[in-house]
Amino acid sequence: MKAKFVHRCTHVLDKEATIKFYQEALGMKVVREMGPEDGSWTNTFMANDEAPFEIELTWNRGQVEPYDNGGKDTHIAFAVDDFDAFHELHEKMGCIIRENPRMGLYFIADPDGQWIEIIPAK
């Protein structure tokens, strides 16, 4: 038996702002979107060419209260090829929320507060 990890869902309030964030911060692109004809919700899947893993952005019409996407300790992680260049980009974007130089990593947050760990590729 085999199991392949394919995506992680995060709930978003402003789908367009979150899509823009993942495009700019991590080079991801929308690969598909689904939802009912009435537009009451959408699942937007984003990925990049570096890994066969997707982020599923779930948006629900009428939702105004922020989602709890697992709390601050729940996060996703990206290994980046040029740690310094990504750090500079994320500084300019103002999305760095925690740094841990001793461990050689830092965290950014998307518009809905989803923590994203940035680590250097090995």
C-alpha atoms as a PDB file:
ATOM      1  CA  MET A   1       0.000   0.000   0.000  1.00  0.00           C
ATOM      2  CA  LYS A   2       1.162   3.533  -0.773  1.00  0.00           C
ATOM      3  CA  ALA A   3      -0.048   6.997   0.213  1.00  0.00           C
ATOM      4  CA  LYS A   4       1.120  10.190  -1.469  1.00  0.00           C
ATOM      5  CA  PHE A   5       0.697  13.566   0.260  1.00  0.00           C
ATOM      6  CA  VAL A   6      -0.821  15.822  -2.432  1.00  0.00           C
ATOM      7  CA  HIS A   7      -2.184  19.025  -0.881  1.00  0.00           C
ATOM      8  CA  ARG A   8      -2.913  21.055   2.208  1.00  0.00           C
ATOM      9  CA  CYS A   9      -6.072  23.127   2.555  1.00  0.00           C
ATOM     10  CA  THR A  10      -6.060  26.604   4.042  1.00  0.00           C
ATOM     11  CA  HIS A  11      -9.160  28.773   4.326  1.00  0.00           C
ATOM     12  CA  VAL A  12      -8.951  32.325   2.989  1.00  0.00           C
ATOM     13  CA  LEU A  13     -11.023  35.496   3.266  1.00  0.00           C
ATOM     14  CA  ASP A  14      -9.591  37.373   0.267  1.00  0.00           C
ATOM     15  CA  LYS A  15      -8.865  34.794  -2.407  1.00  0.00           C
ATOM     16  CA  GLU A  16      -7.312  37.226  -4.894  1.00  0.00           C
ATOM     17  CA  ALA A  17      -4.944  38.738  -2.291  1.00  0.00           C
ATOM     18  CA  THR A  18      -3.875  35.256  -1.188  1.00  0.00           C
ATOM     19  CA  ILE A  19      -3.290  34.078  -4.767  1.00  0.00           C
ATOM     20  CA  LYS A  20      -1.175  37.183  -5.410  1.00  0.00           C
ATOM     21  CA  PHE A  21       0.807  36.543  -2.215  1.00  0.00           C
ATOM     22  CA  TYR A  22       1.688  32.937  -3.128  1.00  0.00           C
ATOM     23  CA  GLN A  23       2.588  33.991  -6.676  1.00  0.00           C
ATOM     24  CA  GLU A  24       4.922  36.746  -5.493  1.00  0.00           C
ATOM     25  CA  ALA A  25       6.359  35.164  -2.349  1.00  0.00           C
ATOM     26  CA  LEU A  26       6.873  31.587  -3.557  1.00  0.00           C
ATOM     27  CA  GLY A  27       6.503  31.513  -7.349  1.00  0.00           C
ATOM     28  CA  MET A  28       3.320  29.462  -7.241  1.00  0.00           C
ATOM     29  CA  LYS A  29       0.592  29.514  -9.872  1.00  0.00           C
ATOM     30  CA  VAL A  30      -3.041  28.523 -10.037  1.00  0.00           C
ATOM     31  CA  VAL A  31      -3.293  25.050 -11.555  1.00  0.00           C
ATOM     32  CA  ARG A  32      -7.045  24.531 -11.241  1.00  0.00           C
ATOM     33  CA  GLU A  33     -10.163  25.789  -9.524  1.00  0.00           C
ATOM     34  CA  MET A  34     -13.442  24.155  -8.675  1.00  0.00           C
ATOM     35  CA  GLY A  35     -16.712  25.073  -7.039  1.00  0.00           C
ATOM     36  CA  PRO A  36     -20.456  25.088  -7.591  1.00  0.00           C
ATOM     37  CA  GLU A  37     -22.144  27.139 -10.310  1.00  0.00           C
ATOM     38  CA  ASP A  38     -23.697  29.453  -7.712  1.00  0.00           C
ATOM     39  CA  GLY A  39     -20.215  30.652  -6.695  1.00  0.00           C
ATOM     40  CA  SER A  40     -20.840  30.065  -2.996  1.00  0.00           C
ATOM     41  CA  TRP A  41     -17.371  28.595  -2.529  1.00  0.00           C
ATOM     42  CA  THR A  42     -14.235  27.798  -4.484  1.00  0.00           C
ATOM     43  CA  ASN A  43     -11.229  25.564  -4.063  1.00  0.00           C
ATOM     44  CA  THR A  44      -8.247  27.068  -5.851  1.00  0.00           C
ATOM     45  CA  PHE A  45      -5.197  24.823  -6.157  1.00  0.00           C
ATOM     46  CA  MET A  46      -1.747  26.392  -6.458  1.00  0.00           C
ATOM     47  CA  ALA A  47       1.598  24.726  -7.168  1.00  0.00           C
ATOM     48  CA  ASN A  48       5.030  25.350  -8.600  1.00  0.00           C
ATOM     49  CA  ASP A  49       7.430  23.313 -10.707  1.00  0.00           C
ATOM     50  CA  GLU A  50       9.623  22.380  -7.728  1.00  0.00           C
ATOM     51  CA  ALA A  51       7.366  19.830  -6.033  1.00  0.00           C
ATOM     52  CA  PRO A  52       4.279  17.682  -6.699  1.00  0.00           C
ATOM     53  CA  PHE A  53       2.504  19.312  -3.743  1.00  0.00           C
ATOM     54  CA  GLU A  54      -0.369  21.794  -3.889  1.00  0.00           C
ATOM     55  CA  ILE A  55      -1.936  24.366  -1.623  1.00  0.00           C
ATOM     56  CA  GLU A  56      -5.718  24.355  -1.727  1.00  0.00           C
ATOM     57  CA  LEU A  57      -7.173  27.790  -1.005  1.00  0.00           C
ATOM     58  CA  THR A  58     -10.763  27.370   0.151  1.00  0.00           C
ATOM     59  CA  TRP A  59     -12.921  30.486  -0.088  1.00  0.00           C
ATOM     60  CA  ASN A  60     -16.518  30.677   1.180  1.00  0.00           C
ATOM     61  CA  ARG A  61     -18.845  33.526   0.172  1.00  0.00           C
ATOM     62  CA  GLY A  62     -20.106  35.478   3.153  1.00  0.00           C
ATOM     63  CA  GLN A  63     -17.303  34.507   5.512  1.00  0.00           C
ATOM     64  CA  VAL A  64     -16.132  37.633   7.322  1.00  0.00           C
ATOM     65  CA  GLU A  65     -14.505  36.264  10.475  1.00  0.00           C
ATOM     66  CA  PRO A  66     -10.884  35.147  10.133  1.00  0.00           C
ATOM     67  CA  TYR A  67     -10.328  31.406  10.000  1.00  0.00           C
ATOM     68  CA  ASP A  68      -8.218  29.505  12.507  1.00  0.00           C
ATOM     69  CA  ASN A  69      -6.021  27.534  10.139  1.00  0.00           C
ATOM     70  CA  GLY A  70      -4.514  25.487  12.932  1.00  0.00           C
ATOM     71  CA  GLY A  71      -2.859  28.183  15.022  1.00  0.00           C
ATOM     72  CA  LYS A  72       0.621  29.632  14.893  1.00  0.00           C
ATOM     73  CA  ASP A  73       2.491  26.368  15.363  1.00  0.00           C
ATOM     74  CA  THR A  74       0.727  24.743  12.417  1.00  0.00           C
ATOM     75  CA  HIS A  75       2.631  25.633   9.277  1.00  0.00           C
ATOM     76  CA  ILE A  76       3.792  24.546   5.872  1.00  0.00           C
ATOM     77  CA  ALA A  77       7.441  24.750   4.812  1.00  0.00           C
ATOM     78  CA  PHE A  78       9.353  25.596   1.663  1.00  0.00           C
ATOM     79  CA  ALA A  79      13.005  24.785   0.991  1.00  0.00           C
ATOM     80  CA  VAL A  80      14.378  27.609  -1.168  1.00  0.00           C
ATOM     81  CA  ASP A  81      17.334  27.558  -3.543  1.00  0.00           C
ATOM     82  CA  ASP A  82      18.579  31.083  -2.687  1.00  0.00           C
ATOM     83  CA  PHE A  83      17.823  31.717   0.970  1.00  0.00           C
ATOM     84  CA  ASP A  84      19.264  35.255   0.992  1.00  0.00           C
ATOM     85  CA  ALA A  85      17.332  36.357  -2.113  1.00  0.00           C
ATOM     86  CA  PHE A  86      14.062  34.979  -0.718  1.00  0.00           C
ATOM     87  CA  HIS A  87      14.738  36.655   2.634  1.00  0.00           C
ATOM     88  CA  GLU A  88      15.300  39.978   0.866  1.00  0.00           C
ATOM     89  CA  LEU A  89      12.078  39.542  -1.141  1.00  0.00           C
ATOM     90  CA  HIS A  90      10.075  38.656   1.960  1.00  0.00           C
ATOM     91  CA  GLU A  91      11.548  41.622   3.854  1.00  0.00           C
ATOM     92  CA  LYS A  92      10.412  43.931   1.037  1.00  0.00           C
ATOM     93  CA  MET A  93       6.959  42.325   1.118  1.00  0.00           C
ATOM     94  CA  GLY A  94       6.797  42.850   4.894  1.00  0.00           C
ATOM     95  CA  CYS A  95       5.634  39.297   5.504  1.00  0.00           C
ATOM     96  CA  ILE A  96       8.405  37.971   7.785  1.00  0.00           C
ATOM     97  CA  ILE A  97       6.877  37.275  11.185  1.00  0.00           C
ATOM     98  CA  ARG A  98       9.588  35.328  13.008  1.00  0.00           C
ATOM     99  CA  GLU A  99      13.257  34.667  12.449  1.00  0.00           C
ATOM    100  CA  ASN A 100      15.439  31.982  13.954  1.00  0.00           C
ATOM    101  CA  PRO A 101      19.010  32.600  12.766  1.00  0.00           C
ATOM    102  CA  ARG A 102      20.373  29.938  15.130  1.00  0.00           C
ATOM    103  CA  MET A 103      18.353  27.305  13.268  1.00  0.00           C
ATOM    104  CA  GLY A 104      18.885  29.004   9.877  1.00  0.00           C
ATOM    105  CA  LEU A 105      15.202  29.579   9.109  1.00  0.00           C
ATOM    106  CA  TYR A 106      12.413  32.122   9.277  1.00  0.00           C
ATOM    107  CA  PHE A 107       8.645  32.283   8.977  1.00  0.00           C
ATOM    108  CA  ILE A 108       6.411  34.378   6.760  1.00  0.00           C
ATOM    109  CA  ALA A 109       2.615  34.639   6.937  1.00  0.00           C
ATOM    110  CA  ASP A 110       0.084  34.798   4.114  1.00  0.00           C
ATOM    111  CA  PRO A 111      -2.798  37.324   4.193  1.00  0.00           C
ATOM    112  CA  ASP A 112      -4.863  34.954   6.361  1.00  0.00           C
ATOM    113  CA  GLY A 113      -2.094  34.334   8.880  1.00  0.00           C
ATOM    114  CA  GLN A 114      -1.008  30.912   7.583  1.00  0.00           C
ATOM    115  CA  TRP A 115       2.576  30.464   8.791  1.00  0.00           C
ATOM    116  CA  ILE A 116       5.107  29.374   6.176  1.00  0.00           C
ATOM    117  CA  GLU A 117       8.562  28.204   7.211  1.00  0.00           C
ATOM    118  CA  ILE A 118      11.407  29.124   4.874  1.00  0.00           C
ATOM    119  CA  ILE A 119      14.491  26.924   5.003  1.00  0.00           C
ATOM    120  CA  PRO A 120      17.527  26.675   2.743  1.00  0.00           C
ATOM    121  CA  ALA A 121      17.524  23.786   0.277  1.00  0.00           C
ATOM    122  CA  LYS A 122      20.031  21.109   1.125  1.00  0.00           C
END
